[in-house]
Amino acid sequence: MDNSVVISTPPHVKSKRTTRGIMIDVCIALAPCALAGCVFFGWQALLIILMSVFACDGVCLLLYCQQRFFEEVRQREKRMREVVETV
């Protein structure tokens, strides 16, 4: 009996669909729900939807800036090590 385990990175299901295409489909599917929420519950529903979108974008921007900052710190440390090693 073969007890070998194959380890691979996700996604494990191969498909020609991209993440961007899937997310566009999700937005299209959510549009009628958002519209119905605005019709049934008024402008407050639209306000909540917009606040959620801006909050998610803000978190993404914060994480991106944090990643860039730490990359720059690592590059500076690398340059400092090179300078110290040459001395």
N, C-alpha and C. Protein backbone atom coordinates (compact mmCIF):
# COMPACT_ATOMS: atom_id res chain seq x y z
N MET A 1 0.84 -1.17 0.00
CA MET A 1 0.00 0.00 0.00
C MET A 1 0.89 1.24 0.00
N ASP A 2 0.57 2.20 -0.86
CA ASP A 2 1.36 3.42 -0.99
C ASP A 2 0.85 4.47 -0.01
N ASN A 3 1.67 4.82 0.97
CA ASN A 3 1.28 5.79 1.99
C ASN A 3 1.91 7.16 1.76
N SER A 4 2.29 7.46 0.53
CA SER A 4 2.93 8.75 0.26
C SER A 4 1.88 9.87 0.25
N VAL A 5 2.31 11.04 0.71
CA VAL A 5 1.44 12.20 0.78
C VAL A 5 1.99 13.25 -0.18
N VAL A 6 1.12 13.79 -1.01
CA VAL A 6 1.53 14.83 -1.95
C VAL A 6 1.14 16.17 -1.37
N ILE A 7 2.12 17.05 -1.22
CA ILE A 7 1.87 18.39 -0.67
C ILE A 7 2.02 19.39 -1.80
N SER A 8 1.00 20.21 -1.99
CA SER A 8 1.06 21.23 -3.04
C SER A 8 0.36 22.49 -2.54
N THR A 9 0.64 23.60 -3.21
CA THR A 9 0.03 24.86 -2.83
C THR A 9 -1.37 24.96 -3.41
N PRO A 10 -2.27 25.69 -2.75
CA PRO A 10 -3.61 25.87 -3.29
C PRO A 10 -3.58 26.77 -4.52
N PRO A 11 -4.50 26.78 -5.38
CA PRO A 11 -5.73 25.97 -5.35
C PRO A 11 -5.45 24.55 -5.85
N HIS A 12 -6.11 23.61 -5.25
CA HIS A 12 -5.91 22.22 -5.62
C HIS A 12 -6.73 21.84 -6.84
N VAL A 13 -7.77 22.60 -7.14
CA VAL A 13 -8.59 22.35 -8.31
C VAL A 13 -8.11 23.28 -9.41
N LYS A 14 -7.76 22.72 -10.53
CA LYS A 14 -7.26 23.53 -11.64
C LYS A 14 -8.43 24.04 -12.47
N SER A 15 -8.37 25.31 -12.83
CA SER A 15 -9.43 25.93 -13.62
C SER A 15 -8.84 27.10 -14.39
N LYS A 16 -9.49 27.45 -15.48
CA LYS A 16 -9.03 28.59 -16.28
C LYS A 16 -9.57 29.91 -15.75
N ARG A 17 -10.48 29.84 -14.77
CA ARG A 17 -11.05 31.06 -14.19
C ARG A 17 -10.04 31.72 -13.29
N THR A 18 -9.99 33.03 -13.36
CA THR A 18 -9.08 33.78 -12.51
C THR A 18 -9.82 34.30 -11.28
N THR A 19 -9.05 34.71 -10.29
CA THR A 19 -9.66 35.28 -9.08
C THR A 19 -10.43 36.54 -9.43
N ARG A 20 -9.87 37.34 -10.33
CA ARG A 20 -10.55 38.57 -10.75
C ARG A 20 -11.92 38.25 -11.37
N GLY A 21 -11.98 37.26 -12.23
CA GLY A 21 -13.25 36.88 -12.86
C GLY A 21 -14.27 36.39 -11.86
N ILE A 22 -13.81 35.61 -10.89
CA ILE A 22 -14.71 35.10 -9.86
C ILE A 22 -15.25 36.25 -9.01
N MET A 23 -14.39 37.21 -8.66
CA MET A 23 -14.84 38.35 -7.85
C MET A 23 -15.82 39.24 -8.62
N ILE A 24 -15.64 39.37 -9.92
CA ILE A 24 -16.60 40.12 -10.73
C ILE A 24 -17.95 39.42 -10.70
N ASP A 25 -17.94 38.09 -10.79
CA ASP A 25 -19.20 37.33 -10.70
C ASP A 25 -19.86 37.53 -9.33
N VAL A 26 -19.06 37.59 -8.28
CA VAL A 26 -19.61 37.80 -6.94
C VAL A 26 -20.26 39.18 -6.85
N CYS A 27 -19.60 40.20 -7.40
CA CYS A 27 -20.17 41.56 -7.38
C CYS A 27 -21.47 41.62 -8.17
N ILE A 28 -21.51 40.95 -9.30
CA ILE A 28 -22.74 40.92 -10.10
C ILE A 28 -23.86 40.22 -9.33
N ALA A 29 -23.51 39.14 -8.61
CA ALA A 29 -24.52 38.41 -7.84
C ALA A 29 -25.01 39.22 -6.65
N LEU A 30 -24.15 40.06 -6.07
CA LEU A 30 -24.54 40.84 -4.90
C LEU A 30 -25.29 42.13 -5.26
N ALA A 31 -25.18 42.59 -6.48
CA ALA A 31 -25.82 43.85 -6.88
C ALA A 31 -27.33 43.83 -6.66
N PRO A 32 -28.06 42.78 -7.08
CA PRO A 32 -29.51 42.78 -6.82
C PRO A 32 -29.84 42.77 -5.32
N CYS A 33 -29.02 42.09 -4.52
CA CYS A 33 -29.25 42.07 -3.07
C CYS A 33 -29.06 43.46 -2.48
N ALA A 34 -28.02 44.16 -2.92
CA ALA A 34 -27.77 45.52 -2.43
C ALA A 34 -28.91 46.45 -2.84
N LEU A 35 -29.36 46.31 -4.07
CA LEU A 35 -30.47 47.14 -4.56
C LEU A 35 -31.75 46.86 -3.76
N ALA A 36 -32.04 45.59 -3.51
CA ALA A 36 -33.23 45.23 -2.73
C ALA A 36 -33.12 45.77 -1.31
N GLY A 37 -31.93 45.70 -0.72
CA GLY A 37 -31.74 46.24 0.62
C GLY A 37 -32.00 47.73 0.67
N CYS A 38 -31.55 48.46 -0.38
CA CYS A 38 -31.78 49.91 -0.42
C CYS A 38 -33.27 50.22 -0.62
N VAL A 39 -33.95 49.41 -1.40
CA VAL A 39 -35.38 49.64 -1.62
C VAL A 39 -36.17 49.36 -0.34
N PHE A 40 -35.88 48.25 0.32
CA PHE A 40 -36.65 47.86 1.49
C PHE A 40 -36.30 48.64 2.75
N PHE A 41 -35.01 48.98 2.91
CA PHE A 41 -34.56 49.58 4.16
C PHE A 41 -34.10 51.04 4.01
N GLY A 42 -34.10 51.57 2.82
CA GLY A 42 -33.79 52.98 2.62
C GLY A 42 -32.31 53.28 2.47
N TRP A 43 -32.03 54.57 2.60
CA TRP A 43 -30.67 55.04 2.35
C TRP A 43 -29.68 54.55 3.41
N GLN A 44 -30.17 54.13 4.58
CA GLN A 44 -29.27 53.62 5.62
C GLN A 44 -28.56 52.35 5.16
N ALA A 45 -29.26 51.52 4.40
CA ALA A 45 -28.64 50.30 3.87
C ALA A 45 -27.50 50.65 2.92
N LEU A 46 -27.74 51.65 2.07
CA LEU A 46 -26.69 52.10 1.15
C LEU A 46 -25.49 52.65 1.92
N LEU A 47 -25.77 53.39 2.98
CA LEU A 47 -24.70 53.95 3.81
C LEU A 47 -23.86 52.84 4.44
N ILE A 48 -24.51 51.81 4.94
CA ILE A 48 -23.79 50.68 5.55
C ILE A 48 -22.94 49.96 4.50
N ILE A 49 -23.49 49.76 3.32
CA ILE A 49 -22.74 49.10 2.24
C ILE A 49 -21.50 49.92 1.88
N LEU A 50 -21.67 51.22 1.71
CA LEU A 50 -20.53 52.07 1.35
C LEU A 50 -19.48 52.12 2.46
N MET A 51 -19.93 52.20 3.71
CA MET A 51 -18.97 52.20 4.83
C MET A 51 -18.19 50.89 4.88
N SER A 52 -18.85 49.78 4.60
CA SER A 52 -18.17 48.48 4.59
C SER A 52 -17.12 48.41 3.49
N VAL A 53 -17.48 48.89 2.31
CA VAL A 53 -16.54 48.89 1.19
C VAL A 53 -15.33 49.75 1.50
N PHE A 54 -15.55 50.96 2.02
CA PHE A 54 -14.43 51.86 2.32
C PHE A 54 -13.57 51.30 3.46
N ALA A 55 -14.18 50.65 4.43
CA ALA A 55 -13.41 50.06 5.52
C ALA A 55 -12.51 48.94 5.01
N CYS A 56 -13.04 48.10 4.13
CA CYS A 56 -12.23 47.02 3.55
C CYS A 56 -11.08 47.58 2.71
N ASP A 57 -11.37 48.59 1.93
CA ASP A 57 -10.32 49.22 1.12
C ASP A 57 -9.27 49.86 2.01
N GLY A 58 -9.69 50.46 3.12
CA GLY A 58 -8.75 51.07 4.04
C GLY A 58 -7.82 50.04 4.67
N VAL A 59 -8.38 48.90 5.06
CA VAL A 59 -7.56 47.84 5.64
C VAL A 59 -6.57 47.31 4.61
N CYS A 60 -7.03 47.12 3.38
CA CYS A 60 -6.13 46.65 2.32
C CYS A 60 -5.00 47.65 2.08
N LEU A 61 -5.33 48.93 2.05
CA LEU A 61 -4.31 49.95 1.85
C LEU A 61 -3.32 49.96 3.02
N LEU A 62 -3.82 49.82 4.24
CA LEU A 62 -2.96 49.78 5.41
C LEU A 62 -2.01 48.59 5.36
N LEU A 63 -2.51 47.41 5.01
CA LEU A 63 -1.67 46.23 4.92
C LEU A 63 -0.63 46.37 3.81
N TYR A 64 -1.02 46.97 2.69
CA TYR A 64 -0.09 47.19 1.59
C TYR A 64 1.04 48.13 2.03
N CYS A 65 0.68 49.23 2.69
CA CYS A 65 1.70 50.19 3.15
C CYS A 65 2.61 49.55 4.18
N GLN A 66 2.06 48.72 5.07
CA GLN A 66 2.87 48.04 6.07
C GLN A 66 3.86 47.09 5.40
N GLN A 67 3.40 46.37 4.40
CA GLN A 67 4.28 45.45 3.68
C GLN A 67 5.41 46.20 3.00
N ARG A 68 5.08 47.30 2.34
CA ARG A 68 6.11 48.11 1.67
C ARG A 68 7.11 48.65 2.68
N PHE A 69 6.65 49.10 3.84
CA PHE A 69 7.53 49.64 4.87
C PHE A 69 8.52 48.57 5.33
N PHE A 70 8.02 47.37 5.63
CA PHE A 70 8.91 46.32 6.12
C PHE A 70 9.87 45.84 5.04
N GLU A 71 9.46 45.87 3.77
CA GLU A 71 10.39 45.54 2.69
C GLU A 71 11.52 46.55 2.64
N GLU A 72 11.19 47.81 2.81
CA GLU A 72 12.21 48.86 2.80
C GLU A 72 13.16 48.69 4.00
N VAL A 73 12.62 48.35 5.16
CA VAL A 73 13.46 48.13 6.34
C VAL A 73 14.40 46.96 6.10
N ARG A 74 13.91 45.88 5.52
CA ARG A 74 14.76 44.72 5.24
C ARG A 74 15.87 45.08 4.26
N GLN A 75 15.56 45.88 3.24
CA GLN A 75 16.57 46.29 2.28
C GLN A 75 17.64 47.14 2.95
N ARG A 76 17.24 48.04 3.84
CA ARG A 76 18.22 48.86 4.57
C ARG A 76 19.10 48.00 5.46
N GLU A 77 18.52 47.03 6.14
CA GLU A 77 19.31 46.14 6.98
C GLU A 77 20.31 45.36 6.14
N LYS A 78 19.88 44.92 4.97
CA LYS A 78 20.78 44.18 4.08
C LYS A 78 21.94 45.06 3.65
N ARG A 79 21.66 46.30 3.29
CA ARG A 79 22.72 47.21 2.89
C ARG A 79 23.67 47.50 4.04
N MET A 80 23.12 47.65 5.26
CA MET A 80 23.97 47.90 6.43
C MET A 80 24.88 46.70 6.68
N ARG A 81 24.37 45.48 6.55
CA ARG A 81 25.20 44.29 6.73
C ARG A 81 26.32 44.25 5.71
N GLU A 82 26.00 44.59 4.46
CA GLU A 82 27.02 44.61 3.41
C GLU A 82 28.12 45.62 3.74
N VAL A 83 27.72 46.79 4.24
CA VAL A 83 28.70 47.82 4.60
C VAL A 83 29.58 47.33 5.75
N VAL A 84 28.96 46.72 6.76
CA VAL A 84 29.71 46.22 7.91
C VAL A 84 30.66 45.10 7.49
N GLU A 85 30.22 44.24 6.60
CA GLU A 85 31.06 43.13 6.14
C GLU A 85 32.25 43.60 5.33
N THR A 86 32.10 44.69 4.62
CA THR A 86 33.21 45.20 3.80
C THR A 86 34.24 45.94 4.63
N VAL A 87 33.87 46.36 5.83
CA VAL A 87 34.80 47.12 6.68
C VAL A 87 35.77 46.21 7.36
